[in-house]
Amino acid sequence: MGTYMAGSRRNYAIEFGEGRPLLLLHGISNTGRAWAPQVPALAGAGYRVIVPDHAGHGASAPVTTPFGVSELADDIEIMLAAMDIANCDIVGLSLGGMVALELALRRPERVGRMIVANSFDCTATPTFAGLAESWARTFEQPQGPLRRFEANWPSLVSPAFQTTAEGLRTYQVWHALAAVADGPSLANVSRGITTFDVSQRIAELAMPTLFIAGGLDGMSPPDLGRALAERAPQGEFSLIGEAAHISNVDTADAFTRRVLEFL
């Protein structure tokens, strides 16, 4: 696909393989490159793997006003329509999981199976608003995305992963991406996502949904994922004990295996 237009904005997306459409949604301040550990296995298993960059992230165009989960979901709907995809499976991590939940509740007929990893059902709290504002202020500083990445890397992936060869390669790639990221755009997304709240609607999820949590995740603790799975009518829960917040990266093999088994 390459790019698609969402109004006057150009968004980026890439796809791999053929078969049932499978959408991979990344977290805040990251890009679709975060799904590199999963793409070969998922495409090899017979899926048409679609990996977009959210608005204001990666190769997608900047955003100039606060941009929330609803707007990010709007973009995905536009993309799927442009690709003539009426139904797909979705894997979303962190912010991507929030977008997945929004899409699933908004258009249940368009989602077959869903995986929500290391994510949240509600960010509309004073605590999260304060956290998001601190992110936004950092992003707005000179080299803000890079400064935030360097400070947050130790909490994003497990200590064991950080010292591996793959951990060092991932750090190098993501460090370079953060160095060219658009700080004001990321600040607008940070401020925009603070109104998300589907906590009272989890029981409406109409599709099989797997909630994945990392045992070392301090941002989205396992108890949250477990509670979401218990409230979803067809919910399942999977704990990757040695994973931190970006569990698809620091425990890639275990994450990919659980995704494929569920799908």
C-alpha atoms as a PDB file:
ATOM      1  CA  MET A   1       0.000   0.000   0.000  1.00  0.00           C
ATOM      2  CA  GLY A   2       2.654   2.523   1.003  1.00  0.00           C
ATOM      3  CA  THR A   3       0.447   5.507   1.808  1.00  0.00           C
ATOM      4  CA  TYR A   4      -3.216   6.456   2.044  1.00  0.00           C
ATOM      5  CA  MET A   5      -4.973   9.754   2.597  1.00  0.00           C
ATOM      6  CA  ALA A   6      -6.979  10.504   5.724  1.00  0.00           C
ATOM      7  CA  GLY A   7      -8.521  13.803   4.713  1.00  0.00           C
ATOM      8  CA  SER A   8      -5.579  16.058   3.915  1.00  0.00           C
ATOM      9  CA  ARG A   9      -3.093  13.930   5.859  1.00  0.00           C
ATOM     10  CA  ARG A  10      -0.896  11.242   4.337  1.00  0.00           C
ATOM     11  CA  ASN A  11      -0.538   8.108   6.457  1.00  0.00           C
ATOM     12  CA  TYR A  12       1.899   5.272   5.944  1.00  0.00           C
ATOM     13  CA  ALA A  13       1.174   1.542   5.949  1.00  0.00           C
ATOM     14  CA  ILE A  14       2.957  -1.535   4.640  1.00  0.00           C
ATOM     15  CA  GLU A  15       1.691  -5.065   4.101  1.00  0.00           C
ATOM     16  CA  PHE A  16       3.235  -8.521   3.831  1.00  0.00           C
ATOM     17  CA  GLY A  17       1.920 -11.864   2.647  1.00  0.00           C
ATOM     18  CA  GLU A  18      -1.452 -13.027   1.428  1.00  0.00           C
ATOM     19  CA  GLY A  19      -4.504 -14.485   3.137  1.00  0.00           C
ATOM     20  CA  ARG A  20      -6.778 -13.326   5.923  1.00  0.00           C
ATOM     21  CA  PRO A  21      -6.081  -9.661   6.810  1.00  0.00           C
ATOM     22  CA  LEU A  22      -4.293  -9.193  10.127  1.00  0.00           C
ATOM     23  CA  LEU A  23      -3.800  -5.644  11.417  1.00  0.00           C
ATOM     24  CA  LEU A  24      -0.892  -4.810  13.771  1.00  0.00           C
ATOM     25  CA  LEU A  25      -1.199  -1.567  15.783  1.00  0.00           C
ATOM     26  CA  HIS A  26       1.798  -0.088  17.622  1.00  0.00           C
ATOM     27  CA  GLY A  27       2.138   1.970  20.794  1.00  0.00           C
ATOM     28  CA  ILE A  28       2.647   5.673  21.382  1.00  0.00           C
ATOM     29  CA  SER A  29       5.900   7.240  20.130  1.00  0.00           C
ATOM     30  CA  ASN A  30       6.755   3.974  18.378  1.00  0.00           C
ATOM     31  CA  THR A  31       6.247   2.941  14.746  1.00  0.00           C
ATOM     32  CA  GLY A  32       5.141  -0.097  12.823  1.00  0.00           C
ATOM     33  CA  ARG A  33       8.770  -1.257  12.867  1.00  0.00           C
ATOM     34  CA  ALA A  34       8.063  -2.463  16.384  1.00  0.00           C
ATOM     35  CA  TRP A  35       6.241  -5.428  14.808  1.00  0.00           C
ATOM     36  CA  ALA A  36       9.312  -6.634  12.905  1.00  0.00           C
ATOM     37  CA  PRO A  37       9.716  -9.686  15.202  1.00  0.00           C
ATOM     38  CA  GLN A  38       6.216 -10.924  14.306  1.00  0.00           C
ATOM     39  CA  VAL A  39       5.903 -10.113  10.592  1.00  0.00           C
ATOM     40  CA  PRO A  40       7.809 -13.093   9.113  1.00  0.00           C
ATOM     41  CA  ALA A  41       6.003 -15.694  11.204  1.00  0.00           C
ATOM     42  CA  LEU A  42       2.558 -14.184  10.678  1.00  0.00           C
ATOM     43  CA  ALA A  43       3.013 -13.746   6.939  1.00  0.00           C
ATOM     44  CA  GLY A  44       4.463 -17.237   6.754  1.00  0.00           C
ATOM     45  CA  ALA A  45       1.411 -18.625   8.534  1.00  0.00           C
ATOM     46  CA  GLY A  46      -0.834 -17.400   5.731  1.00  0.00           C
ATOM     47  CA  TYR A  47      -1.919 -13.933   6.860  1.00  0.00           C
ATOM     48  CA  ARG A  48      -2.016 -10.659   4.956  1.00  0.00           C
ATOM     49  CA  VAL A  49      -0.175  -8.638   7.582  1.00  0.00           C
ATOM     50  CA  ILE A  50      -0.965  -4.899   7.551  1.00  0.00           C
ATOM     51  CA  VAL A  51       1.275  -2.587   9.563  1.00  0.00           C
ATOM     52  CA  PRO A  52       0.368   1.123   9.677  1.00  0.00           C
ATOM     53  CA  ASP A  53       2.132   3.998  11.378  1.00  0.00           C
ATOM     54  CA  HIS A  54      -0.342   5.968  13.479  1.00  0.00           C
ATOM     55  CA  ALA A  55      -0.885   9.607  12.548  1.00  0.00           C
ATOM     56  CA  GLY A  56       1.982  11.746  13.801  1.00  0.00           C
ATOM     57  CA  HIS A  57       4.254   8.702  14.077  1.00  0.00           C
ATOM     58  CA  GLY A  58       6.958   7.232  11.888  1.00  0.00           C
ATOM     59  CA  ALA A  59       6.412   7.826   8.190  1.00  0.00           C
ATOM     60  CA  SER A  60       2.885   9.224   8.637  1.00  0.00           C
ATOM     61  CA  ALA A  61       2.273  12.948   8.398  1.00  0.00           C
ATOM     62  CA  PRO A  62       2.353  15.190  11.491  1.00  0.00           C
ATOM     63  CA  VAL A  63      -0.746  16.204  13.430  1.00  0.00           C
ATOM     64  CA  THR A  64      -1.152  19.794  14.563  1.00  0.00           C
ATOM     65  CA  THR A  65      -3.922  19.500  17.176  1.00  0.00           C
ATOM     66  CA  PRO A  66      -4.657  16.996  19.976  1.00  0.00           C
ATOM     67  CA  PHE A  67      -5.318  13.625  18.364  1.00  0.00           C
ATOM     68  CA  GLY A  68      -6.982  10.864  20.350  1.00  0.00           C
ATOM     69  CA  VAL A  69      -7.948   7.225  20.157  1.00  0.00           C
ATOM     70  CA  SER A  70     -11.161   7.985  18.291  1.00  0.00           C
ATOM     71  CA  GLU A  71      -9.273   9.880  15.587  1.00  0.00           C
ATOM     72  CA  LEU A  72      -6.678   7.115  15.298  1.00  0.00           C
ATOM     73  CA  ALA A  73      -9.508   4.601  14.855  1.00  0.00           C
ATOM     74  CA  ASP A  74     -11.044   6.846  12.190  1.00  0.00           C
ATOM     75  CA  ASP A  75      -7.783   6.626  10.257  1.00  0.00           C
ATOM     76  CA  ILE A  76      -7.763   2.833  10.446  1.00  0.00           C
ATOM     77  CA  GLU A  77     -11.331   2.695   9.155  1.00  0.00           C
ATOM     78  CA  ILE A  78     -10.344   4.899   6.219  1.00  0.00           C
ATOM     79  CA  MET A  79      -7.366   2.655   5.509  1.00  0.00           C
ATOM     80  CA  LEU A  80      -9.410  -0.553   5.613  1.00  0.00           C
ATOM     81  CA  ALA A  81     -12.013   0.970   3.308  1.00  0.00           C
ATOM     82  CA  ALA A  82      -9.297   2.001   0.863  1.00  0.00           C
ATOM     83  CA  MET A  83      -7.996  -1.579   0.925  1.00  0.00           C
ATOM     84  CA  ASP A  84     -11.530  -2.972   0.505  1.00  0.00           C
ATOM     85  CA  ILE A  85     -11.207  -5.016   3.712  1.00  0.00           C
ATOM     86  CA  ALA A  86     -14.557  -5.730   5.351  1.00  0.00           C
ATOM     87  CA  ASN A  87     -13.301  -7.977   8.154  1.00  0.00           C
ATOM     88  CA  CYS A  88      -9.923  -8.581   9.764  1.00  0.00           C
ATOM     89  CA  ASP A  89      -8.174  -9.772  12.891  1.00  0.00           C
ATOM     90  CA  ILE A  90      -6.364  -7.185  15.028  1.00  0.00           C
ATOM     91  CA  VAL A  91      -3.346  -7.235  17.330  1.00  0.00           C
ATOM     92  CA  GLY A  92      -2.761  -4.017  19.258  1.00  0.00           C
ATOM     93  CA  LEU A  93      -0.190  -3.212  21.923  1.00  0.00           C
ATOM     94  CA  SER A  94      -0.473  -0.370  24.454  1.00  0.00           C
ATOM     95  CA  LEU A  95      -1.975   2.583  22.502  1.00  0.00           C
ATOM     96  CA  GLY A  96      -2.555   0.140  19.652  1.00  0.00           C
ATOM     97  CA  GLY A  97      -4.616  -1.996  22.002  1.00  0.00           C
ATOM     98  CA  MET A  98      -6.759   1.007  22.868  1.00  0.00           C
ATOM     99  CA  VAL A  99      -7.356   1.671  19.178  1.00  0.00           C
ATOM    100  CA  ALA A 100      -8.206  -2.011  18.703  1.00  0.00           C
ATOM    101  CA  LEU A 101     -10.786  -1.842  21.506  1.00  0.00           C
ATOM    102  CA  GLU A 102     -12.308   1.300  20.007  1.00  0.00           C
ATOM    103  CA  LEU A 103     -12.594  -0.342  16.595  1.00  0.00           C
ATOM    104  CA  ALA A 104     -14.028  -3.557  18.011  1.00  0.00           C
ATOM    105  CA  LEU A 105     -16.722  -1.729  19.965  1.00  0.00           C
ATOM    106  CA  ARG A 106     -17.476   0.663  17.126  1.00  0.00           C
ATOM    107  CA  ARG A 107     -17.553  -1.912  14.302  1.00  0.00           C
ATOM    108  CA  PRO A 108     -17.860  -5.398  15.815  1.00  0.00           C
ATOM    109  CA  GLU A 109     -18.887  -6.865  12.470  1.00  0.00           C
ATOM    110  CA  ARG A 110     -15.485  -5.899  11.045  1.00  0.00           C
ATOM    111  CA  VAL A 111     -13.340  -7.709  13.620  1.00  0.00           C
ATOM    112  CA  GLY A 112     -12.944 -11.480  13.700  1.00  0.00           C
ATOM    113  CA  ARG A 113     -10.474 -12.079  16.537  1.00  0.00           C
ATOM    114  CA  MET A 114      -8.621  -9.520  18.601  1.00  0.00           C
ATOM    115  CA  ILE A 115      -5.493  -9.509  20.743  1.00  0.00           C
ATOM    116  CA  VAL A 116      -4.948  -6.639  23.173  1.00  0.00           C
ATOM    117  CA  ALA A 117      -1.488  -6.578  24.748  1.00  0.00           C
ATOM    118  CA  ASN A 118      -0.122  -4.446  27.596  1.00  0.00           C
ATOM    119  CA  SER A 119      -2.943  -1.966  27.185  1.00  0.00           C
ATOM    120  CA  PHE A 120      -5.669  -0.001  28.950  1.00  0.00           C
ATOM    121  CA  ASP A 121      -9.445   0.350  28.959  1.00  0.00           C
ATOM    122  CA  CYS A 122      -9.399   3.831  30.502  1.00  0.00           C
ATOM    123  CA  THR A 123      -6.973   6.763  30.382  1.00  0.00           C
ATOM    124  CA  ALA A 124      -9.530   9.399  31.428  1.00  0.00           C
ATOM    125  CA  THR A 125      -8.085   9.811  34.916  1.00  0.00           C
ATOM    126  CA  PRO A 126      -6.189  12.644  36.635  1.00  0.00           C
ATOM    127  CA  THR A 127      -3.213  10.334  37.126  1.00  0.00           C
ATOM    128  CA  PHE A 128      -2.938   9.448  33.448  1.00  0.00           C
ATOM    129  CA  ALA A 129      -3.577  13.062  32.407  1.00  0.00           C
ATOM    130  CA  GLY A 130      -0.625  14.159  34.516  1.00  0.00           C
ATOM    131  CA  LEU A 131       1.558  11.422  33.052  1.00  0.00           C
ATOM    132  CA  ALA A 132       0.539  12.256  29.487  1.00  0.00           C
ATOM    133  CA  GLU A 133       1.193  15.955  30.058  1.00  0.00           C
ATOM    134  CA  SER A 134       4.701  15.149  31.273  1.00  0.00           C
ATOM    135  CA  TRP A 135       5.255  13.134  28.076  1.00  0.00           C
ATOM    136  CA  ALA A 136       3.935  15.997  25.972  1.00  0.00           C
ATOM    137  CA  ARG A 137       6.219  18.558  27.596  1.00  0.00           C
ATOM    138  CA  THR A 138       9.212  16.302  27.020  1.00  0.00           C
ATOM    139  CA  PHE A 139       8.236  15.710  23.391  1.00  0.00           C
ATOM    140  CA  GLU A 140       8.020  19.479  22.827  1.00  0.00           C
ATOM    141  CA  GLN A 141      11.591  20.067  23.989  1.00  0.00           C
ATOM    142  CA  PRO A 142      14.556  20.021  21.570  1.00  0.00           C
ATOM    143  CA  GLN A 143      15.302  16.365  20.807  1.00  0.00           C
ATOM    144  CA  GLY A 144      12.319  15.547  23.021  1.00  0.00           C
ATOM    145  CA  PRO A 145      11.379  12.167  21.474  1.00  0.00           C
ATOM    146  CA  LEU A 146      14.990  11.029  21.717  1.00  0.00           C
ATOM    147  CA  ARG A 147      15.296  12.176  25.328  1.00  0.00           C
ATOM    148  CA  ARG A 148      12.103  10.354  26.274  1.00  0.00           C
ATOM    149  CA  PHE A 149      13.211   7.191  24.496  1.00  0.00           C
ATOM    150  CA  GLU A 150      16.578   7.136  26.251  1.00  0.00           C
ATOM    151  CA  ALA A 151      14.909   7.678  29.643  1.00  0.00           C
ATOM    152  CA  ASN A 152      12.138   5.118  29.096  1.00  0.00           C
ATOM    153  CA  TRP A 153      14.003   2.307  27.351  1.00  0.00           C
ATOM    154  CA  PRO A 154      14.856   0.527  30.658  1.00  0.00           C
ATOM    155  CA  SER A 155      11.139   0.274  31.499  1.00  0.00           C
ATOM    156  CA  LEU A 156       9.927  -0.614  28.015  1.00  0.00           C
ATOM    157  CA  VAL A 157      11.724  -3.939  27.643  1.00  0.00           C
ATOM    158  CA  SER A 158      13.060  -6.415  30.161  1.00  0.00           C
ATOM    159  CA  PRO A 159      16.588  -6.098  31.597  1.00  0.00           C
ATOM    160  CA  ALA A 160      17.457  -9.503  30.177  1.00  0.00           C
ATOM    161  CA  PHE A 161      16.516  -8.437  26.642  1.00  0.00           C
ATOM    162  CA  GLN A 162      18.421  -5.150  26.798  1.00  0.00           C
ATOM    163  CA  THR A 163      21.800  -6.887  26.911  1.00  0.00           C
ATOM    164  CA  THR A 164      21.162  -9.402  24.126  1.00  0.00           C
ATOM    165  CA  ALA A 165      22.316  -8.932  20.538  1.00  0.00           C
ATOM    166  CA  GLU A 166      18.714  -8.433  19.448  1.00  0.00           C
ATOM    167  CA  GLY A 167      18.206  -5.946  22.267  1.00  0.00           C
ATOM    168  CA  LEU A 168      21.180  -3.885  21.142  1.00  0.00           C
ATOM    169  CA  ARG A 169      20.005  -3.982  17.507  1.00  0.00           C
ATOM    170  CA  THR A 170      16.499  -2.902  18.527  1.00  0.00           C
ATOM    171  CA  TYR A 171      17.863  -0.075  20.653  1.00  0.00           C
ATOM    172  CA  GLN A 172      19.947   1.216  17.747  1.00  0.00           C
ATOM    173  CA  VAL A 173      17.045   1.194  15.285  1.00  0.00           C
ATOM    174  CA  TRP A 174      14.538   2.735  17.681  1.00  0.00           C
ATOM    175  CA  HIS A 175      17.073   5.339  18.848  1.00  0.00           C
ATOM    176  CA  ALA A 176      17.467   6.536  15.260  1.00  0.00           C
ATOM    177  CA  LEU A 177      13.690   6.605  14.739  1.00  0.00           C
ATOM    178  CA  ALA A 178      13.261   8.674  17.909  1.00  0.00           C
ATOM    179  CA  ALA A 179      15.923  11.098  16.700  1.00  0.00           C
ATOM    180  CA  VAL A 180      13.826  12.018  13.644  1.00  0.00           C
ATOM    181  CA  ALA A 181      10.374  11.753  15.254  1.00  0.00           C
ATOM    182  CA  ASP A 182       8.102  14.801  15.228  1.00  0.00           C
ATOM    183  CA  GLY A 183       7.936  15.946  18.843  1.00  0.00           C
ATOM    184  CA  PRO A 184       4.953  18.318  18.546  1.00  0.00           C
ATOM    185  CA  SER A 185       2.920  15.549  16.871  1.00  0.00           C
ATOM    186  CA  LEU A 186       3.688  13.116  19.653  1.00  0.00           C
ATOM    187  CA  ALA A 187       2.744  15.801  22.187  1.00  0.00           C
ATOM    188  CA  ASN A 188      -0.614  16.221  20.435  1.00  0.00           C
ATOM    189  CA  VAL A 189      -1.256  12.481  20.561  1.00  0.00           C
ATOM    190  CA  SER A 190      -0.221  12.351  24.231  1.00  0.00           C
ATOM    191  CA  ARG A 191      -2.745  15.040  25.107  1.00  0.00           C
ATOM    192  CA  GLY A 192      -5.389  13.610  22.798  1.00  0.00           C
ATOM    193  CA  ILE A 193      -5.541  10.123  24.302  1.00  0.00           C
ATOM    194  CA  THR A 194      -6.485  11.265  27.802  1.00  0.00           C
ATOM    195  CA  THR A 195     -10.253  11.007  27.202  1.00  0.00           C
ATOM    196  CA  PHE A 196     -10.357   7.309  26.321  1.00  0.00           C
ATOM    197  CA  ASP A 197     -12.717   5.241  28.490  1.00  0.00           C
ATOM    198  CA  VAL A 198     -14.358   1.966  27.439  1.00  0.00           C
ATOM    199  CA  SER A 199     -14.199   0.476  30.914  1.00  0.00           C
ATOM    200  CA  GLN A 200     -17.980   0.103  31.090  1.00  0.00           C
ATOM    201  CA  ARG A 201     -18.197  -1.470  27.642  1.00  0.00           C
ATOM    202  CA  ILE A 202     -15.784  -4.403  27.836  1.00  0.00           C
ATOM    203  CA  ALA A 203     -18.770  -6.730  28.350  1.00  0.00           C
ATOM    204  CA  GLU A 204     -19.996  -5.645  24.887  1.00  0.00           C
ATOM    205  CA  LEU A 205     -17.013  -7.129  23.050  1.00  0.00           C
ATOM    206  CA  ALA A 206     -18.568  -9.509  20.552  1.00  0.00           C
ATOM    207  CA  MET A 207     -15.461 -11.354  19.376  1.00  0.00           C
ATOM    208  CA  PRO A 208     -12.931 -13.750  20.925  1.00  0.00           C
ATOM    209  CA  THR A 209     -10.356 -11.517  22.591  1.00  0.00           C
ATOM    210  CA  LEU A 210      -6.991 -12.444  24.060  1.00  0.00           C
ATOM    211  CA  PHE A 211      -5.466 -10.084  26.616  1.00  0.00           C
ATOM    212  CA  ILE A 212      -1.689 -10.437  26.968  1.00  0.00           C
ATOM    213  CA  ALA A 213       0.228  -8.993  29.903  1.00  0.00           C
ATOM    214  CA  GLY A 214       3.871  -8.878  30.901  1.00  0.00           C
ATOM    215  CA  GLY A 215       4.930  -9.866  34.382  1.00  0.00           C
ATOM    216  CA  LEU A 216       7.457  -7.012  34.470  1.00  0.00           C
ATOM    217  CA  ASP A 217       5.143  -4.377  32.994  1.00  0.00           C
ATOM    218  CA  GLY A 218       4.900  -1.430  35.363  1.00  0.00           C
ATOM    219  CA  MET A 219       2.637   0.607  33.063  1.00  0.00           C
ATOM    220  CA  SER A 220      -0.101  -1.938  32.345  1.00  0.00           C
ATOM    221  CA  PRO A 221       0.167  -4.498  35.151  1.00  0.00           C
ATOM    222  CA  PRO A 222      -1.008  -8.088  34.759  1.00  0.00           C
ATOM    223  CA  ASP A 223      -3.982  -7.580  37.070  1.00  0.00           C
ATOM    224  CA  LEU A 224      -5.450  -5.132  34.564  1.00  0.00           C
ATOM    225  CA  GLY A 225      -5.207  -7.569  31.669  1.00  0.00           C
ATOM    226  CA  ARG A 226      -6.622 -10.370  33.794  1.00  0.00           C
ATOM    227  CA  ALA A 227      -9.583  -8.221  34.871  1.00  0.00           C
ATOM    228  CA  LEU A 228     -10.317  -7.241  31.268  1.00  0.00           C
ATOM    229  CA  ALA A 229     -10.298 -10.881  30.190  1.00  0.00           C
ATOM    230  CA  GLU A 230     -12.710 -11.771  32.976  1.00  0.00           C
ATOM    231  CA  ARG A 231     -15.145  -9.036  31.887  1.00  0.00           C
ATOM    232  CA  ALA A 232     -15.041  -9.797  28.166  1.00  0.00           C
ATOM    233  CA  PRO A 233     -17.651 -12.426  27.183  1.00  0.00           C
ATOM    234  CA  GLN A 234     -15.132 -14.394  25.100  1.00  0.00           C
ATOM    235  CA  GLY A 235     -12.033 -13.148  26.866  1.00  0.00           C
ATOM    236  CA  GLU A 236      -8.844 -15.107  27.470  1.00  0.00           C
ATOM    237  CA  PHE A 237      -5.772 -14.072  29.437  1.00  0.00           C
ATOM    238  CA  SER A 238      -2.123 -14.899  28.833  1.00  0.00           C
ATOM    239  CA  LEU A 239       0.740 -13.816  31.085  1.00  0.00           C
ATOM    240  CA  ILE A 240       4.298 -13.677  29.775  1.00  0.00           C
ATOM    241  CA  GLY A 241       6.105 -13.567  33.067  1.00  0.00           C
ATOM    242  CA  GLU A 242       9.484 -12.370  31.793  1.00  0.00           C
ATOM    243  CA  ALA A 243       8.069  -9.589  29.574  1.00  0.00           C
ATOM    244  CA  ALA A 244       7.966  -5.866  30.262  1.00  0.00           C
ATOM    245  CA  HIS A 245       5.706  -3.318  28.536  1.00  0.00           C
ATOM    246  CA  ILE A 246       6.610  -4.048  24.921  1.00  0.00           C
ATOM    247  CA  SER A 247       6.121  -7.767  25.247  1.00  0.00           C
ATOM    248  CA  ASN A 248       6.085  -8.489  21.524  1.00  0.00           C
ATOM    249  CA  VAL A 249       9.722  -7.378  21.377  1.00  0.00           C
ATOM    250  CA  ASP A 250      11.473  -8.503  24.554  1.00  0.00           C
ATOM    251  CA  THR A 251       9.782 -11.936  24.512  1.00  0.00           C
ATOM    252  CA  ALA A 252       9.109 -12.101  20.795  1.00  0.00           C
ATOM    253  CA  ASP A 253       9.004 -15.880  20.376  1.00  0.00           C
ATOM    254  CA  ALA A 254       6.578 -16.414  23.251  1.00  0.00           C
ATOM    255  CA  PHE A 255       4.401 -13.523  22.084  1.00  0.00           C
ATOM    256  CA  THR A 256       4.274 -14.721  18.480  1.00  0.00           C
ATOM    257  CA  ARG A 257       3.488 -18.267  19.551  1.00  0.00           C
ATOM    258  CA  ARG A 258       0.543 -17.141  21.657  1.00  0.00           C
ATOM    259  CA  VAL A 259      -0.786 -14.939  18.874  1.00  0.00           C
ATOM    260  CA  LEU A 260      -0.674 -17.755  16.347  1.00  0.00           C
ATOM    261  CA  GLU A 261      -2.238 -20.247  18.746  1.00  0.00           C
ATOM    262  CA  PHE A 262      -5.099 -17.855  19.478  1.00  0.00           C
ATOM    263  CA  LEU A 263      -5.704 -16.888  15.862  1.00  0.00           C
END
